[in-house]
C-alpha cells in the first residue's frame, strides 16, 4: 500500500489528529467541497441543485462504528427525516446506509431492524436504499443483512469492493435479475491476506468484476473517478450490449464534477454520492487517501487558513 495512503488512513482513526483537524479554523468552503453540510436542509438543497443539473443522487448521513444504541437511533431518525423531506426529489435521490452507523457492532439483528425501518421509509417516499460496504470484518454480516432486507425490498442495493480477493465470487452471487450492485475499489486499510495491495491488481480486479456485472441481469453501478476505468466501462458495456441507462456511473460529491455532467449529457445515469452531517472527519480522510490531489487541496487550504 502507498505509504502516504497508509498514514492518512491511520490518521482517520487517531483521536488526537481528529481533534486537531476538526478544531482547526479551516474554511467551511474546504469541507463543503466534499460534504453537503450538516443538516437535512443542507442535504436537500445540494440534492435539488444536482438533480436540476441532470444528475441523480445517493445521500449518506455521516457516521460509522457506532457502539451506542442512542447514537444508532439518532442516525435512523436522521434518515427518516431526510426521506420525508425529499418530496419529489426522491424520484432521483436514494440513500446510502452504513450498517455500523445503525448498530452493527452492537448486534447484527439491531442493525437489520434499523435498516429495515429506513427501507420502509424509502419505499414510502418512492426511492431506494443502498447498503455501504465497510472494512472486511463486516462483509459477511452486511451481506447477510442485505439478503434479509431483499426478502421484502428486493431493490436494496449492495456495494462490493474490488480490492478484496473474494469480490468476484460475490459479484457472481449478486448479479441476478434486478440486483443493484455498486462496484468500488475500496477505501479501508486491509491486510494482504484479504485484499490486493497494489493499485494495478485492484484495477484488474475492478475490470474482471465489471465484465461479470455487465454479463449479468442486474443493474451495475460503477463507482470510480478513474478516467481509464470510465473508458473501459463504456467499452465493455458496448461489448455486452448494455445501452446507457442500463447501468450507472457513480462519483463522489466534489470530485470531477465536469466529468459527471459530461457523462450525463451523453445520456448516462450519473449518481453523485453526497455525504452530510457533523461526522465529516473520517469520510474526508478516506477521500484524501484515495486520491493524492485531494490531500494537496485540503492541506493547502488548511495551511493558508490557520
Protein backbone atom coordinates (compact mmCIF):
# COMPACT_ATOMS: atom_id res chain seq x y z
CA UNK A 1 0.00 0.00 0.00
CA UNK A 2 1.20 3.54 -0.73
CA UNK A 3 2.91 4.91 2.44
CA UNK A 4 1.02 8.22 2.25
CA UNK A 5 -2.28 6.40 1.96
CA UNK A 6 -1.41 4.20 4.95
CA UNK A 7 -0.51 7.27 7.00
CA UNK A 8 -3.76 9.06 6.15
CA UNK A 9 -5.91 6.01 6.90
CA UNK A 10 -4.17 5.65 10.27
CA UNK A 11 -4.86 9.32 10.99
CA UNK A 12 -8.53 8.77 10.19
CA UNK A 13 -8.84 6.68 13.37
CA UNK A 14 -6.46 8.70 15.54
CA UNK A 15 -8.31 10.70 18.17
CA UNK A 16 -5.64 13.37 18.66
CA UNK A 17 -5.32 14.03 14.93
CA UNK A 18 -9.09 14.11 14.63
CA UNK A 19 -9.36 16.79 17.31
CA UNK A 20 -6.57 18.85 15.73
CA UNK A 21 -8.10 18.83 12.26
CA UNK A 22 -11.71 19.12 13.41
CA UNK A 23 -10.99 22.18 15.54
CA UNK A 24 -8.66 23.97 13.09
CA UNK A 25 -10.15 27.16 11.61
CA UNK A 26 -10.46 25.66 8.15
CA UNK A 27 -12.84 27.49 5.86
CA UNK A 28 -16.26 25.84 5.56
CA UNK A 29 -15.68 26.00 1.81
CA UNK A 30 -12.89 23.42 2.14
CA UNK A 31 -15.08 20.82 3.84
CA UNK A 32 -18.07 21.71 1.68
CA UNK A 33 -16.19 20.75 -1.45
CA UNK A 34 -16.77 17.16 -0.36
CA UNK A 35 -19.62 17.40 2.21
CA UNK A 36 -23.04 18.93 1.54
CA UNK A 37 -23.39 20.39 5.04
CA UNK A 38 -24.51 19.29 8.47
CA UNK A 39 -28.30 19.48 8.31
CA UNK A 40 -31.17 17.85 6.45
CA UNK A 41 -31.87 21.22 4.84
CA UNK A 42 -28.28 21.38 3.55
CA UNK A 43 -28.56 17.89 2.07
CA UNK A 44 -31.86 18.63 0.35
CA UNK A 45 -30.55 21.91 -1.09
CA UNK A 46 -27.49 20.23 -2.62
CA UNK A 47 -29.66 17.38 -3.91
CA UNK A 48 -32.00 19.85 -5.62
CA UNK A 49 -29.09 21.61 -7.30
CA UNK A 50 -27.59 18.36 -8.60
CA UNK A 51 -30.92 16.96 -9.79
CA UNK A 52 -31.70 20.22 -11.58
CA UNK A 53 -28.40 19.83 -13.46
CA UNK A 54 -29.41 16.37 -14.72
CA UNK A 55 -27.71 14.18 -12.12
CA UNK A 56 -29.03 11.56 -9.69
CA UNK A 57 -28.00 11.40 -6.04
CA UNK A 58 -27.37 8.99 -3.18
CA UNK A 59 -27.23 10.57 0.28
CA UNK A 60 -25.09 9.36 3.18
CA UNK A 61 -25.66 10.61 6.73
CA UNK A 62 -22.10 10.54 8.01
CA UNK A 63 -21.13 8.34 10.92
CA UNK A 64 -19.87 4.79 11.46
CA UNK A 65 -18.55 2.36 14.08
CA UNK A 66 -21.39 3.26 16.46
CA UNK A 67 -21.27 1.44 19.80
CA UNK A 68 -24.16 3.31 21.42
CA UNK A 69 -27.82 2.44 20.86
CA UNK A 70 -28.90 6.06 21.25
CA UNK A 71 -26.48 7.18 18.55
CA UNK A 72 -27.72 4.40 16.27
CA UNK A 73 -31.28 5.58 16.84
CA UNK A 74 -30.21 9.17 16.12
CA UNK A 75 -28.82 8.03 12.76
CA UNK A 76 -32.02 6.18 11.89
CA UNK A 77 -34.08 9.26 12.75
CA UNK A 78 -31.81 11.40 10.57
CA UNK A 79 -32.51 9.13 7.59
CA UNK A 80 -36.25 9.11 8.27
CA UNK A 81 -36.30 12.90 8.44
CA UNK A 82 -34.28 13.13 5.21
CA UNK A 83 -36.54 10.74 3.32
CA UNK A 84 -39.59 12.67 4.48
CA UNK A 85 -38.02 15.97 3.38
CA UNK A 86 -37.01 14.86 -0.13
CA UNK A 87 -40.52 15.07 -1.56
CA UNK A 88 -40.47 14.97 -5.39
CA UNK A 89 -36.66 14.79 -5.34
CA UNK A 90 -36.97 11.18 -4.19
CA UNK A 91 -37.55 10.19 -7.81
CA UNK A 92 -33.87 10.98 -8.40
CA UNK A 93 -32.34 10.56 -4.93
CA UNK A 94 -31.84 7.49 -2.75
CA UNK A 95 -29.90 6.94 0.48
CA UNK A 96 -26.74 5.01 1.32
CA UNK A 97 -26.52 3.44 4.78
CA UNK A 98 -23.51 2.14 6.71
CA UNK A 99 -24.69 -0.67 8.95
CA UNK A 100 -22.10 0.14 11.62
CA UNK A 101 -23.81 3.53 11.93
CA UNK A 102 -27.11 1.85 12.87
CA UNK A 103 -25.82 -0.70 15.35
CA UNK A 104 -23.97 -3.50 13.52
CA UNK A 105 -21.09 -3.54 16.00
CA UNK A 106 -23.58 -3.90 18.85
CA UNK A 107 -25.84 -6.54 17.33
CA UNK A 108 -26.47 -7.64 13.75
CA UNK A 109 -30.18 -8.01 14.42
CA UNK A 110 -30.39 -4.43 15.70
CA UNK A 111 -28.68 -3.16 12.56
CA UNK A 112 -31.00 -5.23 10.38
CA UNK A 113 -34.10 -3.91 12.14
CA UNK A 114 -32.88 -0.32 11.95
CA UNK A 115 -32.01 -0.68 8.28
CA UNK A 116 -35.46 -2.19 7.68
CA UNK A 117 -37.04 0.95 9.16
CA UNK A 118 -35.04 3.07 6.73
CA UNK A 119 -36.03 0.81 3.83
CA UNK A 120 -39.72 1.10 4.76
CA UNK A 121 -39.43 4.89 4.81
CA UNK A 122 -37.62 4.83 1.46
CA UNK A 123 -40.38 2.70 -0.05
CA UNK A 124 -42.99 5.14 1.22
CA UNK A 125 -41.00 8.04 -0.26
CA UNK A 126 -40.70 6.24 -3.59
CA UNK A 127 -36.97 5.64 -3.58
CA UNK A 128 -34.34 3.03 -2.66
CA UNK A 129 -31.54 2.24 -0.22
CA UNK A 130 -28.00 1.01 -0.84
CA UNK A 131 -26.02 -0.65 1.96
CA UNK A 132 -22.50 0.74 2.03
CA UNK A 133 -19.68 -1.75 2.49
CA UNK A 134 -17.08 -1.08 5.18
CA UNK A 135 -13.93 -2.92 6.25
CA UNK A 136 -13.64 -6.65 5.56
CA UNK A 137 -14.57 -7.71 9.10
CA UNK A 138 -18.17 -6.63 8.42
CA UNK A 139 -18.54 -8.02 4.88
CA UNK A 140 -20.27 -11.32 5.73
CA UNK A 141 -22.60 -9.63 8.22
CA UNK A 142 -23.51 -6.92 5.72
CA UNK A 143 -24.31 -9.48 3.03
CA UNK A 144 -26.49 -11.42 5.48
CA UNK A 145 -28.44 -8.27 6.33
CA UNK A 146 -28.72 -7.48 2.61
CA UNK A 147 -30.23 -10.91 1.97
CA UNK A 148 -32.76 -10.42 4.79
CA UNK A 149 -33.76 -6.94 3.61
CA UNK A 150 -34.18 -8.04 0.00
CA UNK A 151 -36.87 -10.52 1.03
CA UNK A 152 -39.23 -7.56 1.46
CA UNK A 153 -37.37 -4.91 -0.54
CA UNK A 154 -35.63 -6.59 -3.49
CA UNK A 155 -34.37 -3.23 -4.69
CA UNK A 156 -31.92 -2.76 -1.79
CA UNK A 157 -28.51 -2.12 -3.32
CA UNK A 158 -25.26 -3.85 -2.45
CA UNK A 159 -21.72 -2.45 -2.52
CA UNK A 160 -18.73 -4.61 -3.40
CA UNK A 161 -15.06 -3.60 -3.27
CA UNK A 162 -12.66 -4.71 -5.99
CA UNK A 163 -9.62 -4.68 -3.68
CA UNK A 164 -10.91 -7.72 -1.78
CA UNK A 165 -9.84 -11.14 -3.11
CA UNK A 166 -13.36 -12.50 -2.62
CA UNK A 167 -15.22 -9.89 -4.63
CA UNK A 168 -15.53 -11.61 -8.00
CA UNK A 169 -17.32 -14.51 -6.30
CA UNK A 170 -19.62 -12.05 -4.53
CA UNK A 171 -20.33 -10.30 -7.84
CA UNK A 172 -21.36 -13.59 -9.42
CA UNK A 173 -23.65 -14.31 -6.47
CA UNK A 174 -25.30 -10.88 -6.63
CA UNK A 175 -25.60 -10.21 -10.38
CA UNK A 176 -29.04 -11.79 -10.78
CA UNK A 177 -32.23 -10.20 -12.16
CA UNK A 178 -32.87 -6.70 -10.83
CA UNK A 179 -29.99 -6.79 -8.35
CA UNK A 180 -28.46 -3.35 -7.81
CA UNK A 181 -24.70 -3.61 -7.17
CA UNK A 182 -22.31 -0.72 -6.72
CA UNK A 183 -18.71 -1.65 -7.55
CA UNK A 184 -15.99 0.48 -5.99
CA UNK A 185 -12.28 -0.01 -5.38
CA UNK A 186 -12.42 0.20 -1.57
CA UNK A 187 -11.22 2.82 0.89
CA UNK A 188 -10.13 0.99 4.07
CA UNK A 189 -6.71 -0.25 5.15
CA UNK A 190 -6.93 -4.03 4.63
CA UNK A 191 -4.34 -6.78 5.21
CA UNK A 192 -2.67 -8.63 2.35
CA UNK A 193 -4.44 -11.82 3.40
CA UNK A 194 -7.81 -10.45 2.23
CA UNK A 195 -7.03 -7.61 -0.17
CA UNK A 196 -4.85 -6.75 -3.15
CA UNK A 197 -2.13 -4.30 -2.11
CA UNK A 198 -1.04 -2.97 -5.49
CA UNK A 199 -3.16 -0.44 -7.38
CA UNK A 200 -2.70 -2.34 -10.65
CA UNK A 201 -4.11 -5.52 -9.11
CA UNK A 202 -7.09 -3.62 -7.68
CA UNK A 203 -7.77 -2.19 -11.14
CA UNK A 204 -7.53 -5.62 -12.80
CA UNK A 205 -10.00 -6.96 -10.28
CA UNK A 206 -12.28 -4.00 -10.97
CA UNK A 207 -12.31 -4.82 -14.69
CA UNK A 208 -13.00 -8.52 -14.05
CA UNK A 209 -15.90 -7.60 -11.80
CA UNK A 210 -17.15 -5.04 -14.35
CA UNK A 211 -17.37 -7.72 -17.01
CA UNK A 212 -19.20 -10.08 -14.67
CA UNK A 213 -21.73 -7.42 -13.69
CA UNK A 214 -22.37 -6.37 -17.29
CA UNK A 215 -22.82 -10.02 -18.29
CA UNK A 216 -25.37 -10.49 -15.53
CA UNK A 217 -29.00 -9.41 -15.43
CA UNK A 218 -28.78 -6.90 -12.60
CA UNK A 219 -28.22 -3.14 -12.52
CA UNK A 220 -24.48 -2.40 -12.23
CA UNK A 221 -23.45 0.85 -10.57
CA UNK A 222 -19.81 1.69 -11.29
CA UNK A 223 -18.27 3.95 -8.66
CA UNK A 224 -14.97 5.29 -9.96
CA UNK A 225 -13.41 8.60 -11.00
CA UNK A 226 -10.52 6.92 -12.80
CA UNK A 227 -10.68 8.14 -16.44
CA UNK A 228 -9.17 4.90 -17.71
CA UNK A 229 -11.73 2.77 -15.89
CA UNK A 230 -14.60 5.03 -17.02
CA UNK A 231 -13.46 4.47 -20.61
CA UNK A 232 -13.15 0.71 -20.10
CA UNK A 233 -16.62 0.55 -18.55
CA UNK A 234 -18.04 2.23 -21.65
CA UNK A 235 -16.22 -0.15 -23.98
CA UNK A 236 -17.22 -3.25 -22.04
CA UNK A 237 -20.84 -2.07 -21.76
CA UNK A 238 -21.00 -1.71 -25.53
CA UNK A 239 -19.46 -5.16 -25.99
CA UNK A 240 -22.11 -6.64 -23.67
CA UNK A 241 -24.94 -4.82 -25.46
CA UNK A 242 -25.63 -2.57 -22.49
CA UNK A 243 -27.00 0.83 -23.56
CA UNK A 244 -26.72 3.96 -21.38
CA UNK A 245 -29.37 3.79 -18.69
CA UNK A 246 -28.99 0.04 -18.12
CA UNK A 247 -26.13 0.80 -15.72
CA UNK A 248 -24.95 3.76 -13.66
CA UNK A 249 -21.82 5.79 -13.24
CA UNK A 250 -21.33 6.93 -9.65
CA UNK A 251 -18.93 9.59 -8.39
CA UNK A 252 -18.33 11.46 -5.16
CA UNK A 253 -19.65 14.92 -4.49
CA UNK A 254 -16.94 17.47 -5.21
CA UNK A 255 -14.73 15.21 -7.35
CA UNK A 256 -14.68 15.54 -11.16
CA UNK A 257 -17.98 17.45 -11.36
CA UNK A 258 -17.35 18.37 -15.00
CA UNK A 259 -16.98 14.70 -15.89
CA UNK A 260 -20.23 13.92 -14.08
CA UNK A 261 -22.06 16.46 -16.25
CA UNK A 262 -20.32 15.29 -19.42
CA UNK A 263 -21.44 11.70 -18.90
CA UNK A 264 -24.97 12.83 -18.09
CA UNK A 265 -25.13 14.83 -21.31
CA UNK A 266 -24.22 11.64 -23.19
CA UNK A 267 -27.34 10.00 -21.79
CA UNK A 268 -25.77 8.08 -18.91
CA UNK A 269 -27.30 7.84 -15.46
CA UNK A 270 -24.75 9.54 -13.19
CA UNK A 271 -25.38 9.29 -9.46
CA UNK A 272 -23.46 11.57 -7.10
CA UNK A 273 -22.62 10.26 -3.62
CA UNK A 274 -23.48 13.16 -1.31
CA UNK A 275 -22.42 12.93 2.36
CA UNK A 276 -23.78 15.27 5.02
CA UNK A 277 -23.75 15.62 8.79
CA UNK A 278 -21.31 16.58 11.50
CA UNK A 279 -19.16 13.43 11.41
CA UNK A 280 -17.18 14.50 8.37
CA UNK A 281 -13.64 13.81 9.57
CA UNK A 282 -13.33 10.08 8.85
CA UNK A 283 -15.03 10.46 5.50
CA UNK A 284 -12.76 13.31 4.44
CA UNK A 285 -9.63 11.43 5.47
CA UNK A 286 -10.59 8.42 3.35
CA UNK A 287 -11.25 10.68 0.37
CA UNK A 288 -7.75 12.09 0.74
CA UNK A 289 -6.29 8.59 0.98
CA UNK A 290 -7.99 7.60 -2.26
CA UNK A 291 -6.58 10.45 -4.32
CA UNK A 292 -3.37 12.43 -3.63
CA UNK A 293 -4.79 15.53 -5.35
CA UNK A 294 -7.48 15.65 -2.68
CA UNK A 295 -4.81 15.63 0.02
CA UNK A 296 -2.91 18.50 -1.60
CA UNK A 297 -6.11 20.53 -1.95
CA UNK A 298 -7.08 20.13 1.70
CA UNK A 299 -3.59 20.71 3.12
CA UNK A 300 -3.14 23.90 1.06
CA UNK A 301 -6.44 25.18 2.38
CA UNK A 302 -5.51 24.19 5.95
CA UNK A 303 -2.14 25.97 5.81
CA UNK A 304 -3.50 29.17 4.27
CA UNK A 305 -6.38 29.47 6.76
CA UNK A 306 -4.69 28.63 10.07
